[in-house]
Amino acid sequence: MELNIGSYIKFNEKIWKVIDKMHVKPGKGGAFLQATLKSICGIKLDHRFSSSDVVDVVIIEKKTCQFSYKEKDCIFLTDNATYETIEIHKDSISKNTWHLLDTFAQENMDIFVEYADEDIIEVLLPASLVVEIESADPVVKGQTAASSYKNASIKNGIKILVPPYIESGDKVVISLYAEKGIEFVERK
């Protein structure tokens, strides 16, 4: 059996993403594959597959869509290829993905949707976004010698930590998925 990290499989009548895997050959008994799986809704599962198990690999179709609007517990996207409207309900994606969409999605922003058998399995925002700092705390004297950060807020009142040289009105790049930190873009 060949499972790759990042691939999708159908297991127990659900679609799962392979997050981690380890091939184990114990001293006694047959070899097995220890896999960590994650469901569409964010549930994690550790499972041992024996070498004789048959697993269905799911073919994924990726589409680029544009964010149109949010209404209550649904977001609406427009498929860039067909111009169809796609409705995504809050309960059909993970809580973390919904939080990112609810917080950072902007009109006409490209959003990437992954499908398996016409079912949405993953929704991804761009890895980084350019945002404007609405307000930033003043710099405290003496904190420039060491690596220090100050509080700032962006749209929707979201608070982030920024380097001391960032001021209100500056534009910065924030990373949504990785701990890359914040990059300075431009000053008004």
C-alpha atoms as a PDB file:
ATOM      1  CA  MET A   1       0.000   0.000   0.000  1.00  0.00           C
ATOM      2  CA  GLU A   2       1.349   3.412  -0.975  1.00  0.00           C
ATOM      3  CA  LEU A   3       0.032   6.478   0.869  1.00  0.00           C
ATOM      4  CA  ASN A   4       1.634   9.882   0.453  1.00  0.00           C
ATOM      5  CA  ILE A   5       1.472  12.768   2.893  1.00  0.00           C
ATOM      6  CA  GLY A   6      -1.066  15.281   1.583  1.00  0.00           C
ATOM      7  CA  SER A   7      -3.056  12.740  -0.433  1.00  0.00           C
ATOM      8  CA  TYR A   8      -6.738  12.079   0.194  1.00  0.00           C
ATOM      9  CA  ILE A   9      -8.237   8.638   0.831  1.00  0.00           C
ATOM     10  CA  LYS A  10     -11.698   7.211   1.344  1.00  0.00           C
ATOM     11  CA  PHE A  11     -11.791   5.330   4.663  1.00  0.00           C
ATOM     12  CA  ASN A  12     -14.825   4.339   6.777  1.00  0.00           C
ATOM     13  CA  GLU A  13     -17.117   6.017   4.218  1.00  0.00           C
ATOM     14  CA  LYS A  14     -15.457   9.434   4.763  1.00  0.00           C
ATOM     15  CA  ILE A  15     -12.750  11.389   2.965  1.00  0.00           C
ATOM     16  CA  TRP A  16      -9.529  11.859   4.949  1.00  0.00           C
ATOM     17  CA  LYS A  17      -6.283  13.709   4.271  1.00  0.00           C
ATOM     18  CA  VAL A  18      -3.031  11.904   5.128  1.00  0.00           C
ATOM     19  CA  ILE A  19      -1.185  14.233   7.527  1.00  0.00           C
ATOM     20  CA  ASP A  20       1.639  11.921   8.591  1.00  0.00           C
ATOM     21  CA  LYS A  21       2.737   8.356   7.987  1.00  0.00           C
ATOM     22  CA  MET A  22       5.325   5.924   9.290  1.00  0.00           C
ATOM     23  CA  HIS A  23       6.118   2.510   7.883  1.00  0.00           C
ATOM     24  CA  VAL A  24       6.762   0.046  10.749  1.00  0.00           C
ATOM     25  CA  LYS A  25       8.313  -3.426  10.530  1.00  0.00           C
ATOM     26  CA  PRO A  26       8.149  -4.954  14.012  1.00  0.00           C
ATOM     27  CA  GLY A  27      10.330  -7.887  15.027  1.00  0.00           C
ATOM     28  CA  LYS A  28       7.307 -10.167  15.152  1.00  0.00           C
ATOM     29  CA  GLY A  29       4.305  -9.989  12.899  1.00  0.00           C
ATOM     30  CA  GLY A  30       3.690  -8.270   9.601  1.00  0.00           C
ATOM     31  CA  ALA A  31       4.642  -4.775   8.568  1.00  0.00           C
ATOM     32  CA  PHE A  32       2.090  -1.989   8.880  1.00  0.00           C
ATOM     33  CA  LEU A  33       1.653   1.652   8.047  1.00  0.00           C
ATOM     34  CA  GLN A  34       0.831   3.994  10.937  1.00  0.00           C
ATOM     35  CA  ALA A  35      -1.015   6.973   9.467  1.00  0.00           C
ATOM     36  CA  THR A  36      -2.402  10.165  10.949  1.00  0.00           C
ATOM     37  CA  LEU A  37      -5.540  11.205   9.079  1.00  0.00           C
ATOM     38  CA  LYS A  38      -7.584  14.412   9.194  1.00  0.00           C
ATOM     39  CA  SER A  39     -11.222  14.625   8.137  1.00  0.00           C
ATOM     40  CA  ILE A  40     -12.832  17.498   6.255  1.00  0.00           C
ATOM     41  CA  CYS A  41     -14.253  18.833   9.535  1.00  0.00           C
ATOM     42  CA  GLY A  42     -10.831  18.790  11.235  1.00  0.00           C
ATOM     43  CA  ILE A  43     -11.108  15.530  13.231  1.00  0.00           C
ATOM     44  CA  LYS A  44      -7.780  13.697  13.572  1.00  0.00           C
ATOM     45  CA  LEU A  45      -7.445   9.925  13.587  1.00  0.00           C
ATOM     46  CA  ASP A  46      -4.453   7.616  14.021  1.00  0.00           C
ATOM     47  CA  HIS A  47      -4.907   4.313  12.206  1.00  0.00           C
ATOM     48  CA  ARG A  48      -2.766   1.277  11.459  1.00  0.00           C
ATOM     49  CA  PHE A  49      -3.075  -0.143   7.970  1.00  0.00           C
ATOM     50  CA  SER A  50      -1.724  -3.629   7.389  1.00  0.00           C
ATOM     51  CA  SER A  51       0.213  -4.277   4.215  1.00  0.00           C
ATOM     52  CA  SER A  52      -2.738  -6.264   2.855  1.00  0.00           C
ATOM     53  CA  ASP A  53      -5.315  -3.438   3.326  1.00  0.00           C
ATOM     54  CA  VAL A  54      -6.711  -1.827   0.205  1.00  0.00           C
ATOM     55  CA  VAL A  55      -7.310   1.917   0.403  1.00  0.00           C
ATOM     56  CA  ASP A  56      -9.120   4.031  -2.189  1.00  0.00           C
ATOM     57  CA  VAL A  57      -7.154   7.146  -3.148  1.00  0.00           C
ATOM     58  CA  VAL A  58      -9.475  10.046  -3.950  1.00  0.00           C
ATOM     59  CA  ILE A  59      -8.860  12.235  -7.007  1.00  0.00           C
ATOM     60  CA  ILE A  60      -8.923  15.922  -6.106  1.00  0.00           C
ATOM     61  CA  GLU A  61     -10.093  18.698  -8.422  1.00  0.00           C
ATOM     62  CA  LYS A  62      -8.873  22.206  -7.603  1.00  0.00           C
ATOM     63  CA  LYS A  63     -10.737  25.361  -8.610  1.00  0.00           C
ATOM     64  CA  THR A  64      -9.912  29.024  -8.235  1.00  0.00           C
ATOM     65  CA  CYS A  65     -12.888  31.105  -7.144  1.00  0.00           C
ATOM     66  CA  GLN A  66     -13.506  34.690  -6.115  1.00  0.00           C
ATOM     67  CA  PHE A  67     -15.045  35.615  -2.786  1.00  0.00           C
ATOM     68  CA  SER A  68     -18.374  37.360  -3.399  1.00  0.00           C
ATOM     69  CA  TYR A  69     -20.026  37.879  -0.028  1.00  0.00           C
ATOM     70  CA  LYS A  70     -20.908  36.366   3.366  1.00  0.00           C
ATOM     71  CA  GLU A  71     -24.445  35.948   4.640  1.00  0.00           C
ATOM     72  CA  LYS A  72     -25.046  34.538   8.155  1.00  0.00           C
ATOM     73  CA  ASP A  73     -23.441  31.069   8.240  1.00  0.00           C
ATOM     74  CA  CYS A  74     -22.658  30.840   4.509  1.00  0.00           C
ATOM     75  CA  ILE A  75     -20.088  32.294   2.176  1.00  0.00           C
ATOM     76  CA  PHE A  76     -20.643  32.705  -1.542  1.00  0.00           C
ATOM     77  CA  LEU A  77     -17.900  32.294  -4.120  1.00  0.00           C
ATOM     78  CA  THR A  78     -17.891  32.691  -7.898  1.00  0.00           C
ATOM     79  CA  ASP A  79     -16.115  29.995  -9.927  1.00  0.00           C
ATOM     80  CA  ASN A  80     -13.587  31.784 -12.175  1.00  0.00           C
ATOM     81  CA  ALA A  81     -14.025  29.241 -15.007  1.00  0.00           C
ATOM     82  CA  THR A  82     -17.817  28.792 -15.143  1.00  0.00           C
ATOM     83  CA  TYR A  83     -19.028  31.910 -13.264  1.00  0.00           C
ATOM     84  CA  GLU A  84     -21.328  29.702 -11.179  1.00  0.00           C
ATOM     85  CA  THR A  85     -22.082  30.744  -7.607  1.00  0.00           C
ATOM     86  CA  ILE A  86     -20.830  28.296  -4.990  1.00  0.00           C
ATOM     87  CA  GLU A  87     -22.399  28.317  -1.529  1.00  0.00           C
ATOM     88  CA  ILE A  88     -20.305  27.007   1.366  1.00  0.00           C
ATOM     89  CA  HIS A  89     -21.991  26.473   4.722  1.00  0.00           C
ATOM     90  CA  LYS A  90     -20.090  26.999   7.978  1.00  0.00           C
ATOM     91  CA  ASP A  91     -20.624  23.373   9.077  1.00  0.00           C
ATOM     92  CA  SER A  92     -19.172  21.899   5.870  1.00  0.00           C
ATOM     93  CA  ILE A  93     -15.594  23.092   6.549  1.00  0.00           C
ATOM     94  CA  SER A  94     -13.282  23.081   9.570  1.00  0.00           C
ATOM     95  CA  LYS A  95     -13.680  25.709  12.305  1.00  0.00           C
ATOM     96  CA  ASN A  96     -10.188  27.080  11.599  1.00  0.00           C
ATOM     97  CA  THR A  97     -10.936  27.533   7.886  1.00  0.00           C
ATOM     98  CA  TRP A  98     -14.264  29.220   8.663  1.00  0.00           C
ATOM     99  CA  HIS A  99     -12.535  31.586  11.106  1.00  0.00           C
ATOM    100  CA  LEU A 100      -9.954  32.576   8.453  1.00  0.00           C
ATOM    101  CA  LEU A 101     -12.685  33.125   5.850  1.00  0.00           C
ATOM    102  CA  ASP A 102     -14.879  35.068   8.273  1.00  0.00           C
ATOM    103  CA  THR A 103     -11.976  37.254   9.371  1.00  0.00           C
ATOM    104  CA  PHE A 104      -9.885  37.868   6.262  1.00  0.00           C
ATOM    105  CA  ALA A 105     -11.979  37.196   3.137  1.00  0.00           C
ATOM    106  CA  GLN A 106     -12.388  40.323   1.025  1.00  0.00           C
ATOM    107  CA  GLU A 107     -14.505  40.974  -2.044  1.00  0.00           C
ATOM    108  CA  ASN A 108     -12.878  39.665  -5.269  1.00  0.00           C
ATOM    109  CA  MET A 109     -10.174  37.796  -3.318  1.00  0.00           C
ATOM    110  CA  ASP A 110      -9.021  34.554  -4.935  1.00  0.00           C
ATOM    111  CA  ILE A 111     -10.024  31.537  -2.835  1.00  0.00           C
ATOM    112  CA  PHE A 112      -8.958  27.998  -3.736  1.00  0.00           C
ATOM    113  CA  VAL A 113     -11.507  25.195  -3.423  1.00  0.00           C
ATOM    114  CA  GLU A 114     -10.663  21.476  -3.554  1.00  0.00           C
ATOM    115  CA  TYR A 115     -13.355  18.990  -4.616  1.00  0.00           C
ATOM    116  CA  ALA A 116     -13.677  15.217  -4.397  1.00  0.00           C
ATOM    117  CA  ASP A 117     -16.670  13.710  -6.219  1.00  0.00           C
ATOM    118  CA  GLU A 118     -18.384  17.135  -6.368  1.00  0.00           C
ATOM    119  CA  ASP A 119     -18.055  17.515  -2.561  1.00  0.00           C
ATOM    120  CA  ILE A 120     -16.017  20.427  -1.185  1.00  0.00           C
ATOM    121  CA  ILE A 121     -13.231  19.043   0.965  1.00  0.00           C
ATOM    122  CA  GLU A 122     -10.975  22.049   1.498  1.00  0.00           C
ATOM    123  CA  VAL A 123     -11.130  25.821   1.142  1.00  0.00           C
ATOM    124  CA  LEU A 124      -7.874  27.794   1.158  1.00  0.00           C
ATOM    125  CA  LEU A 125      -7.175  31.490   1.282  1.00  0.00           C
ATOM    126  CA  PRO A 126      -3.973  32.953  -0.189  1.00  0.00           C
ATOM    127  CA  ALA A 127      -0.924  32.204   1.966  1.00  0.00           C
ATOM    128  CA  SER A 128      -0.373  35.901   2.689  1.00  0.00           C
ATOM    129  CA  LEU A 129      -2.413  39.101   2.583  1.00  0.00           C
ATOM    130  CA  VAL A 130      -1.626  42.796   2.407  1.00  0.00           C
ATOM    131  CA  VAL A 131      -3.511  44.613   5.173  1.00  0.00           C
ATOM    132  CA  GLU A 132      -3.547  48.196   6.395  1.00  0.00           C
ATOM    133  CA  ILE A 133      -2.768  48.982  10.017  1.00  0.00           C
ATOM    134  CA  GLU A 134      -5.704  50.954  11.434  1.00  0.00           C
ATOM    135  CA  SER A 135      -4.054  51.777  14.739  1.00  0.00           C
ATOM    136  CA  ALA A 136      -0.726  51.016  16.393  1.00  0.00           C
ATOM    137  CA  ASP A 137       0.553  51.576  19.920  1.00  0.00           C
ATOM    138  CA  PRO A 138       3.276  54.199  20.295  1.00  0.00           C
ATOM    139  CA  VAL A 139       6.888  53.041  20.525  1.00  0.00           C
ATOM    140  CA  VAL A 140       8.193  52.693  24.081  1.00  0.00           C
ATOM    141  CA  LYS A 141      11.645  54.244  24.452  1.00  0.00           C
ATOM    142  CA  GLY A 142      14.411  51.790  25.166  1.00  0.00           C
ATOM    143  CA  GLN A 143      12.736  48.838  23.475  1.00  0.00           C
ATOM    144  CA  THR A 144      14.526  49.290  20.173  1.00  0.00           C
ATOM    145  CA  ALA A 145      17.744  47.593  21.318  1.00  0.00           C
ATOM    146  CA  ALA A 146      16.167  44.173  21.773  1.00  0.00           C
ATOM    147  CA  SER A 147      13.785  42.343  19.475  1.00  0.00           C
ATOM    148  CA  SER A 148      10.448  43.766  20.575  1.00  0.00           C
ATOM    149  CA  TYR A 149       6.974  44.107  19.167  1.00  0.00           C
ATOM    150  CA  LYS A 150       3.999  46.344  19.823  1.00  0.00           C
ATOM    151  CA  ASN A 151       0.245  45.889  19.479  1.00  0.00           C
ATOM    152  CA  ALA A 152      -1.551  47.013  16.341  1.00  0.00           C
ATOM    153  CA  SER A 153      -5.016  46.438  14.945  1.00  0.00           C
ATOM    154  CA  ILE A 154      -6.257  45.794  11.432  1.00  0.00           C
ATOM    155  CA  LYS A 155      -9.805  45.603  10.013  1.00  0.00           C
ATOM    156  CA  ASN A 156     -12.509  43.986  12.155  1.00  0.00           C
ATOM    157  CA  GLY A 157     -10.507  44.985  15.243  1.00  0.00           C
ATOM    158  CA  ILE A 158      -8.073  42.062  14.860  1.00  0.00           C
ATOM    159  CA  LYS A 159      -4.994  42.617  16.970  1.00  0.00           C
ATOM    160  CA  ILE A 160      -1.546  41.598  15.756  1.00  0.00           C
ATOM    161  CA  LEU A 161       2.017  42.175  16.916  1.00  0.00           C
ATOM    162  CA  VAL A 162       4.191  44.353  14.690  1.00  0.00           C
ATOM    163  CA  PRO A 163       7.774  45.672  14.809  1.00  0.00           C
ATOM    164  CA  PRO A 164       8.173  49.070  16.503  1.00  0.00           C
ATOM    165  CA  TYR A 165       8.706  51.014  13.235  1.00  0.00           C
ATOM    166  CA  ILE A 166       5.189  50.176  11.922  1.00  0.00           C
ATOM    167  CA  GLU A 167       2.699  53.060  12.248  1.00  0.00           C
ATOM    168  CA  SER A 168      -1.020  53.617  11.637  1.00  0.00           C
ATOM    169  CA  GLY A 169      -1.759  53.687   7.899  1.00  0.00           C
ATOM    170  CA  ASP A 170       1.183  51.447   6.959  1.00  0.00           C
ATOM    171  CA  LYS A 171       0.523  48.386   4.839  1.00  0.00           C
ATOM    172  CA  VAL A 172       2.015  45.075   5.909  1.00  0.00           C
ATOM    173  CA  VAL A 173       1.963  41.491   4.627  1.00  0.00           C
ATOM    174  CA  ILE A 174       0.634  38.942   7.109  1.00  0.00           C
ATOM    175  CA  SER A 175       1.010  35.196   6.732  1.00  0.00           C
ATOM    176  CA  LEU A 176      -2.181  33.219   7.353  1.00  0.00           C
ATOM    177  CA  TYR A 177      -0.811  29.671   7.506  1.00  0.00           C
ATOM    178  CA  ALA A 178       2.835  29.842   8.569  1.00  0.00           C
ATOM    179  CA  GLU A 179       4.768  31.603  11.276  1.00  0.00           C
ATOM    180  CA  LYS A 180       6.620  33.811   8.788  1.00  0.00           C
ATOM    181  CA  GLY A 181       5.788  36.955  10.680  1.00  0.00           C
ATOM    182  CA  ILE A 182       5.003  40.329   9.193  1.00  0.00           C
ATOM    183  CA  GLU A 183       6.706  42.134   6.325  1.00  0.00           C
ATOM    184  CA  PHE A 184       6.580  45.882   5.733  1.00  0.00           C
ATOM    185  CA  VAL A 185       5.015  46.882   2.386  1.00  0.00           C
ATOM    186  CA  GLU A 186       4.497  50.652   2.179  1.00  0.00           C
ATOM    187  CA  ARG A 187       3.852  53.790   4.183  1.00  0.00           C
ATOM    188  CA  LYS A 188       1.093  56.266   3.332  1.00  0.00           C
END
